[in-house]
């Protein structure tokens, strides 16, 4: 900021307009997110904002635009025990100590979602409000929060197939985008991965290594992604002459991967390949294999799914199917902002393609 602007007080729209060489009205349109402004002019205004140190008056802007300039990032679930639901403090910004919240923060997937959302919103002067909706009361409060205009829309990450929140949001006519296809059709846009194609990549890689006694640790089968990954894996194995694949259901946690691997080794001690439906379960599987004296990948090759931080924490580093979570979260955010600027636009979906990342475990 220049010395004359400092002495004159807080920078104004007029200061930005002079620095950018455009009109005050043009600066106002760029600052307020109007879409039909030439990209070169937008960039000139953004540079001028940076140089002058101009900060928009959010309160005044919200009176004009009727926007909160905040987005709710909602992690939602269902099937919580009554006692846990009673203990919930509702969908206020994160902080209460429920087991649901602890599970969310323990999974690297959710951190990647937050990263993608924040990285998209921050340059646009917007911020996410992290909320949890693991009970009927909390879901009702999410809907009320959005109805009151305290956030302009919601980015919803559901952890359970029976989660009623997407339908509640749709029925209320609120702006929202989902991470992952909902188990039951609702008129809400979503982003997702081609999960069956990712599982196909895992199966073909294990077969290509010469594995013939292959088992899988599935995700929870009441979650669409868990179902799709299992279906894709089994179908591909069947196409290659393997009609029966031992399956143990996991819960997308390291502990469930360890328990599943223990069971598979007890029932199928000669197995030579394992596909785990996420990296945390694959990490647990590798831990058990080492404890049982099985080398990875010499005795048993292991493939995970997600390409999360757990894949690099594994020893050896995990071969896995990459889900570009940060990019998917950014696209989810873009779709929501587009919905806010065009409320009558069509509901849509964006499906990302998986990629096999080969490391040391297979």
Protein backbone atom coordinates (compact mmCIF):
# COMPACT_ATOMS: atom_id res chain seq x y z
CA UNK A 1 0.00 0.00 0.00
CA UNK A 2 1.38 3.48 -0.84
CA UNK A 3 2.05 6.12 1.82
CA UNK A 4 -0.64 8.50 0.47
CA UNK A 5 -3.28 5.75 0.68
CA UNK A 6 -2.21 4.96 4.25
CA UNK A 7 -2.54 8.59 5.26
CA UNK A 8 -5.96 8.88 3.64
CA UNK A 9 -7.38 5.94 5.60
CA UNK A 10 -8.67 2.60 4.36
CA UNK A 11 -8.42 2.10 0.57
CA UNK A 12 -11.69 2.55 -1.32
CA UNK A 13 -13.19 1.29 -4.57
CA UNK A 14 -12.10 4.57 -6.15
CA UNK A 15 -8.49 3.87 -5.16
CA UNK A 16 -8.67 0.44 -6.75
CA UNK A 17 -10.30 1.89 -9.88
CA UNK A 18 -7.49 4.46 -10.31
CA UNK A 19 -4.81 1.78 -9.80
CA UNK A 20 -6.46 -0.56 -12.31
CA UNK A 21 -7.36 2.14 -14.84
CA UNK A 22 -11.03 1.20 -14.91
CA UNK A 23 -14.28 2.64 -13.61
CA UNK A 24 -15.56 2.28 -10.06
CA UNK A 25 -18.52 0.34 -11.41
CA UNK A 26 -16.20 -2.20 -13.05
CA UNK A 27 -14.29 -2.70 -9.80
CA UNK A 28 -17.58 -3.21 -7.98
CA UNK A 29 -18.65 -5.87 -10.48
CA UNK A 30 -15.38 -7.77 -10.11
CA UNK A 31 -15.37 -7.56 -6.32
CA UNK A 32 -18.98 -8.76 -6.17
CA UNK A 33 -18.29 -11.74 -8.41
CA UNK A 34 -20.26 -10.70 -11.49
CA UNK A 35 -19.40 -13.26 -14.16
CA UNK A 36 -19.50 -11.33 -17.45
CA UNK A 37 -16.33 -9.27 -16.94
CA UNK A 38 -13.41 -9.66 -19.30
CA UNK A 39 -10.76 -11.94 -17.69
CA UNK A 40 -7.97 -9.43 -18.40
CA UNK A 41 -9.92 -6.71 -16.61
CA UNK A 42 -10.64 -9.05 -13.71
CA UNK A 43 -6.92 -9.74 -13.37
CA UNK A 44 -6.08 -6.02 -13.49
CA UNK A 45 -8.60 -5.32 -10.75
CA UNK A 46 -7.28 -8.18 -8.59
CA UNK A 47 -3.73 -6.81 -8.94
CA UNK A 48 -4.97 -3.36 -7.97
CA UNK A 49 -6.77 -4.80 -4.95
CA UNK A 50 -3.52 -6.45 -3.88
CA UNK A 51 -1.44 -3.30 -4.43
CA UNK A 52 -3.84 -0.97 -2.63
CA UNK A 53 -4.68 -3.37 0.18
CA UNK A 54 -8.39 -2.84 -0.40
CA UNK A 55 -10.68 -5.02 1.75
CA UNK A 56 -14.36 -5.28 0.74
CA UNK A 57 -16.91 -4.31 3.35
CA UNK A 58 -18.52 -7.71 3.78
CA UNK A 59 -21.48 -6.43 5.76
CA UNK A 60 -22.36 -3.78 3.18
CA UNK A 61 -21.82 -6.23 0.34
CA UNK A 62 -24.12 -8.81 1.90
CA UNK A 63 -26.91 -6.24 2.12
CA UNK A 64 -26.65 -5.71 -1.63
CA UNK A 65 -26.01 -9.27 -2.79
CA UNK A 66 -28.03 -11.06 -0.07
CA UNK A 67 -25.11 -13.46 0.14
CA UNK A 68 -23.22 -14.62 3.23
CA UNK A 69 -20.01 -15.30 1.27
CA UNK A 70 -19.70 -18.52 3.27
CA UNK A 71 -20.18 -22.14 2.27
CA UNK A 72 -21.17 -24.93 4.64
CA UNK A 73 -19.00 -28.04 4.34
CA UNK A 74 -21.18 -30.70 5.92
CA UNK A 75 -19.96 -34.16 6.91
CA UNK A 76 -23.12 -36.17 7.34
CA UNK A 77 -23.93 -39.68 8.52
CA UNK A 78 -26.83 -41.84 9.62
CA UNK A 79 -27.47 -44.81 11.84
CA UNK A 80 -25.96 -43.21 14.95
CA UNK A 81 -26.93 -44.88 18.22
CA UNK A 82 -29.56 -42.92 20.18
CA UNK A 83 -27.11 -42.19 23.00
CA UNK A 84 -24.60 -40.72 20.56
CA UNK A 85 -27.31 -38.65 18.92
CA UNK A 86 -28.35 -37.19 22.28
CA UNK A 87 -24.75 -36.20 22.99
CA UNK A 88 -24.41 -34.36 19.70
CA UNK A 89 -24.06 -30.61 19.92
CA UNK A 90 -25.59 -30.15 16.50
CA UNK A 91 -23.97 -28.90 13.31
CA UNK A 92 -22.07 -25.96 14.77
CA UNK A 93 -18.47 -25.40 13.63
CA UNK A 94 -16.30 -28.34 14.63
CA UNK A 95 -15.35 -28.82 18.24
CA UNK A 96 -17.48 -31.32 20.13
CA UNK A 97 -15.95 -34.64 21.02
CA UNK A 98 -18.34 -37.19 19.52
CA UNK A 99 -17.00 -40.49 18.21
CA UNK A 100 -18.37 -39.55 14.80
CA UNK A 101 -16.20 -36.42 14.74
CA UNK A 102 -13.17 -38.40 15.89
CA UNK A 103 -13.67 -40.89 13.06
CA UNK A 104 -13.89 -38.07 10.53
CA UNK A 105 -10.62 -36.47 11.63
CA UNK A 106 -8.86 -39.86 11.74
CA UNK A 107 -9.51 -40.49 8.04
CA UNK A 108 -7.10 -38.70 5.65
CA UNK A 109 -9.86 -38.61 3.03
CA UNK A 110 -11.70 -35.80 4.81
CA UNK A 111 -8.57 -33.70 5.18
CA UNK A 112 -8.09 -33.93 1.43
CA UNK A 113 -11.68 -32.80 0.84
CA UNK A 114 -11.14 -29.77 3.10
CA UNK A 115 -7.90 -28.93 1.27
CA UNK A 116 -9.63 -28.98 -2.12
CA UNK A 117 -12.53 -26.83 -0.90
CA UNK A 118 -10.35 -24.26 0.89
CA UNK A 119 -7.93 -23.94 -2.02
CA UNK A 120 -10.82 -23.19 -4.38
CA UNK A 121 -12.68 -20.77 -2.10
CA UNK A 122 -9.79 -18.77 -0.64
CA UNK A 123 -8.81 -16.87 -3.84
CA UNK A 124 -12.48 -15.94 -4.20
CA UNK A 125 -12.69 -14.38 -0.77
CA UNK A 126 -14.98 -17.09 0.59
CA UNK A 127 -14.65 -19.48 3.49
CA UNK A 128 -16.08 -22.88 4.42
CA UNK A 129 -17.91 -23.50 7.69
CA UNK A 130 -17.24 -27.08 8.79
CA UNK A 131 -20.38 -28.74 10.18
CA UNK A 132 -21.32 -32.23 11.34
CA UNK A 133 -24.72 -33.84 10.91
CA UNK A 134 -24.68 -37.30 12.50
CA UNK A 135 -28.15 -37.26 14.05
CA UNK A 136 -31.68 -36.24 13.10
CA UNK A 137 -31.42 -33.17 15.31
CA UNK A 138 -28.15 -32.11 13.73
CA UNK A 139 -29.55 -32.58 10.22
CA UNK A 140 -32.54 -30.40 11.06
CA UNK A 141 -30.19 -27.71 12.32
CA UNK A 142 -28.14 -27.86 9.11
CA UNK A 143 -31.27 -27.23 7.07
CA UNK A 144 -32.29 -24.38 9.39
CA UNK A 145 -28.78 -22.87 9.19
CA UNK A 146 -29.01 -22.81 5.40
CA UNK A 147 -32.60 -21.51 5.37
CA UNK A 148 -31.53 -18.60 7.57
CA UNK A 149 -28.95 -17.59 4.97
CA UNK A 150 -26.01 -18.05 7.31
CA UNK A 151 -24.31 -19.94 4.46
CA UNK A 152 -25.05 -19.59 0.76
CA UNK A 153 -25.06 -23.31 0.07
CA UNK A 154 -23.75 -26.67 1.22
CA UNK A 155 -21.07 -29.10 0.14
CA UNK A 156 -22.21 -32.44 1.55
CA UNK A 157 -20.01 -35.45 2.22
CA UNK A 158 -22.19 -38.38 3.28
CA UNK A 159 -20.71 -41.34 5.14
CA UNK A 160 -23.74 -43.62 5.07
CA UNK A 161 -26.05 -44.86 2.30
CA UNK A 162 -29.17 -44.23 4.37
CA UNK A 163 -28.27 -40.60 5.09
CA UNK A 164 -31.48 -38.56 4.67
CA UNK A 165 -29.74 -35.16 4.51
CA UNK A 166 -29.43 -34.93 0.69
CA UNK A 167 -33.18 -35.50 0.33
CA UNK A 168 -33.96 -32.97 3.09
CA UNK A 169 -31.83 -30.34 1.34
CA UNK A 170 -33.44 -31.07 -2.02
CA UNK A 171 -36.95 -30.88 -0.55
CA UNK A 172 -36.12 -27.51 1.01
CA UNK A 173 -34.92 -26.15 -2.35
CA UNK A 174 -31.48 -25.27 -0.95
CA UNK A 175 -28.30 -25.01 -3.02
CA UNK A 176 -26.02 -28.00 -2.51
CA UNK A 177 -23.57 -30.33 -4.22
CA UNK A 178 -22.69 -33.84 -3.02
CA UNK A 179 -19.36 -35.63 -2.89
CA UNK A 180 -20.29 -39.04 -4.35
CA UNK A 181 -23.42 -40.30 -6.01
CA UNK A 182 -26.28 -40.58 -3.52
CA UNK A 183 -27.57 -44.07 -2.81
CA UNK A 184 -31.11 -42.91 -3.56
CA UNK A 185 -31.75 -40.58 -6.50
CA UNK A 186 -32.25 -36.94 -5.49
CA UNK A 187 -32.17 -33.84 -7.73
CA UNK A 188 -28.81 -32.60 -6.44
CA UNK A 189 -25.58 -32.27 -8.41
CA UNK A 190 -22.62 -34.44 -7.42
CA UNK A 191 -19.04 -35.38 -8.21
CA UNK A 192 -17.80 -38.93 -8.03
CA UNK A 193 -15.16 -41.39 -9.21
CA UNK A 194 -15.56 -44.28 -11.63
CA UNK A 195 -15.07 -46.71 -8.73
CA UNK A 196 -15.67 -49.90 -10.73
CA UNK A 197 -13.00 -48.87 -13.22
CA UNK A 198 -10.58 -48.28 -10.36
CA UNK A 199 -11.22 -51.74 -8.94
CA UNK A 200 -10.70 -53.17 -12.42
CA UNK A 201 -7.24 -51.56 -12.50
CA UNK A 202 -6.41 -53.20 -9.16
CA UNK A 203 -7.57 -56.65 -10.29
CA UNK A 204 -5.71 -56.48 -13.59
CA UNK A 205 -2.52 -55.39 -11.83
CA UNK A 206 -2.61 -58.28 -9.34
CA UNK A 207 -3.32 -60.76 -12.14
CA UNK A 208 -0.56 -59.22 -14.25
CA UNK A 209 1.91 -59.86 -11.41
CA UNK A 210 1.01 -63.54 -11.54
CA UNK A 211 -1.17 -63.63 -8.42
CA UNK A 212 -3.74 -66.43 -8.59
CA UNK A 213 -5.07 -66.84 -5.04
CA UNK A 214 -6.49 -63.39 -4.57
CA UNK A 215 -8.80 -62.07 -1.86
CA UNK A 216 -10.35 -58.68 -1.18
CA UNK A 217 -11.15 -56.55 1.83
CA UNK A 218 -14.23 -54.63 0.75
CA UNK A 219 -15.45 -51.33 2.08
CA UNK A 220 -18.73 -51.17 4.00
CA UNK A 221 -21.35 -52.61 1.67
CA UNK A 222 -24.00 -50.11 2.71
CA UNK A 223 -21.89 -47.37 1.09
CA UNK A 224 -22.20 -46.96 -2.72
CA UNK A 225 -18.43 -46.62 -3.18
CA UNK A 226 -17.86 -49.83 -1.23
CA UNK A 227 -20.41 -51.66 -3.35
CA UNK A 228 -19.02 -50.33 -6.62
CA UNK A 229 -15.40 -51.20 -5.82
CA UNK A 230 -16.36 -54.74 -4.87
CA UNK A 231 -18.51 -55.16 -7.97
CA UNK A 232 -15.76 -53.89 -10.26
CA UNK A 233 -13.17 -56.16 -8.68
CA UNK A 234 -15.33 -59.30 -8.77
CA UNK A 235 -16.47 -58.70 -12.33
CA UNK A 236 -12.92 -58.26 -13.57
CA UNK A 237 -11.71 -61.36 -11.75
CA UNK A 238 -14.61 -63.36 -13.23
CA UNK A 239 -13.72 -62.16 -16.72
CA UNK A 240 -10.26 -63.62 -16.15
CA UNK A 241 -11.53 -67.01 -15.00
CA UNK A 242 -11.71 -66.43 -11.24
CA UNK A 243 -15.39 -66.82 -10.32
CA UNK A 244 -14.85 -67.05 -6.57
CA UNK A 245 -12.99 -64.39 -4.58
CA UNK A 246 -12.80 -64.57 -0.77
CA UNK A 247 -14.29 -61.38 0.67
CA UNK A 248 -14.18 -59.86 4.15
CA UNK A 249 -16.07 -56.63 4.71
CA UNK A 250 -14.16 -53.78 6.33
CA UNK A 251 -15.18 -50.31 7.53
CA UNK A 252 -12.57 -48.15 5.76
CA UNK A 253 -10.46 -48.06 8.97
CA UNK A 254 -6.99 -49.44 9.65
CA UNK A 255 -8.33 -51.56 12.50
CA UNK A 256 -10.93 -53.19 10.26
CA UNK A 257 -8.23 -53.91 7.68
CA UNK A 258 -6.15 -55.65 10.33
CA UNK A 259 -9.11 -57.75 11.51
CA UNK A 260 -10.03 -58.66 7.93
CA UNK A 261 -6.48 -59.69 7.10
CA UNK A 262 -6.32 -61.90 10.20
CA UNK A 263 -9.48 -63.66 9.09
CA UNK A 264 -8.33 -64.08 5.49
CA UNK A 265 -5.04 -65.63 6.58
CA UNK A 266 -6.86 -68.01 8.93
CA UNK A 267 -9.30 -69.14 6.23
CA UNK A 268 -7.04 -68.88 3.16
CA UNK A 269 -3.41 -69.25 4.31
CA UNK A 270 -2.13 -69.72 0.75
CA UNK A 271 -3.40 -66.42 -0.66
CA UNK A 272 -0.89 -64.43 -2.69
CA UNK A 273 -2.73 -61.20 -3.47
CA UNK A 274 -5.07 -58.80 -1.66
CA UNK A 275 -7.08 -55.83 -2.85
CA UNK A 276 -8.20 -53.55 -0.03
CA UNK A 277 -10.91 -51.03 -0.92
CA UNK A 278 -9.05 -48.13 0.69
CA UNK A 279 -5.51 -47.33 1.80
CA UNK A 280 -6.18 -47.39 5.53
CA UNK A 281 -7.41 -50.99 5.32
CA UNK A 282 -4.48 -51.89 3.07
CA UNK A 283 -2.12 -50.37 5.66
CA UNK A 284 -3.72 -52.57 8.32
CA UNK A 285 -3.43 -55.61 6.06
CA UNK A 286 0.29 -55.01 5.47
CA UNK A 287 0.85 -54.63 9.20
CA UNK A 288 -0.72 -58.03 9.90
CA UNK A 289 1.16 -59.69 7.05
CA UNK A 290 4.48 -58.49 8.46
CA UNK A 291 3.53 -59.71 11.92
CA UNK A 292 2.72 -63.13 10.47
CA UNK A 293 6.06 -63.35 8.69
CA UNK A 294 4.67 -62.81 5.18
CA UNK A 295 6.73 -60.54 2.97
CA UNK A 296 5.00 -57.85 0.90
CA UNK A 297 5.02 -58.20 -2.04
CA UNK A 298 7.14 -61.37 -2.14
CA UNK A 299 4.58 -63.63 -0.47
CA UNK A 300 1.46 -61.47 -0.74
CA UNK A 301 0.99 -58.49 -3.05
CA UNK A 302 -1.28 -55.74 -1.69
CA UNK A 303 -3.15 -53.02 -3.60
CA UNK A 304 -5.10 -50.22 -1.93
CA UNK A 305 -7.42 -47.49 -3.12
CA UNK A 306 -7.38 -43.65 -2.78
CA UNK A 307 -3.64 -42.76 -2.91
CA UNK A 308 -3.91 -41.04 0.47
CA UNK A 309 -1.18 -40.26 2.99
CA UNK A 310 -1.63 -43.80 4.32
CA UNK A 311 -0.23 -45.15 1.04
CA UNK A 312 3.11 -43.43 1.69
CA UNK A 313 3.09 -44.30 5.39
CA UNK A 314 2.84 -48.00 4.51
CA UNK A 315 5.97 -50.18 4.42
CA UNK A 316 6.60 -50.91 1.65
CA UNK A 317 4.88 -47.89 0.06
CA UNK A 318 1.48 -48.90 -1.22
CA UNK A 319 0.49 -49.60 -4.78
CA UNK A 320 -2.94 -48.02 -4.99
CA UNK A 321 -5.70 -46.65 -7.18
CA UNK A 322 -5.60 -42.87 -7.13
CA UNK A 323 -8.77 -40.96 -6.38
CA UNK A 324 -8.05 -37.24 -7.05
CA UNK A 325 -9.94 -36.11 -3.95
CA UNK A 326 -8.59 -32.54 -3.89
CA UNK A 327 -9.56 -32.01 -7.52
CA UNK A 328 -12.96 -33.58 -6.96
CA UNK A 329 -13.58 -31.32 -3.95
CA UNK A 330 -12.57 -28.26 -5.96
CA UNK A 331 -14.94 -29.28 -8.76
CA UNK A 332 -17.71 -29.83 -6.22
CA UNK A 333 -17.14 -26.28 -4.99
CA UNK A 334 -17.13 -24.89 -8.52
CA UNK A 335 -20.45 -26.57 -9.23
CA UNK A 336 -21.96 -25.04 -6.10
CA UNK A 337 -20.77 -21.52 -6.93
CA UNK A 338 -22.13 -21.99 -10.44
CA UNK A 339 -25.47 -23.06 -8.94
CA UNK A 340 -25.51 -19.94 -6.76
CA UNK A 341 -24.93 -17.71 -9.78
CA UNK A 342 -27.46 -19.64 -11.92
CA UNK A 343 -30.16 -20.96 -9.55
CA UNK A 344 -32.24 -22.27 -12.45
CA UNK A 345 -29.37 -24.19 -14.05
CA UNK A 346 -29.65 -27.96 -14.55
CA UNK A 347 -28.60 -30.56 -12.00
CA UNK A 348 -25.41 -32.22 -13.20
CA UNK A 349 -22.73 -34.77 -12.35
CA UNK A 350 -18.98 -34.93 -12.93
CA UNK A 351 -17.27 -38.33 -12.88
CA UNK A 352 -13.49 -38.48 -12.44
CA UNK A 353 -11.26 -41.24 -13.80
CA UNK A 354 -9.07 -43.35 -11.47
CA UNK A 355 -5.38 -44.03 -12.04
CA UNK A 356 -3.17 -46.89 -10.86
CA UNK A 357 -0.10 -45.74 -8.90
CA UNK A 358 2.50 -48.50 -8.71
CA UNK A 359 4.81 -48.57 -5.68
CA UNK A 360 6.46 -51.27 -3.64
CA UNK A 361 3.58 -53.35 -2.25
CA UNK A 362 2.51 -54.91 -5.57
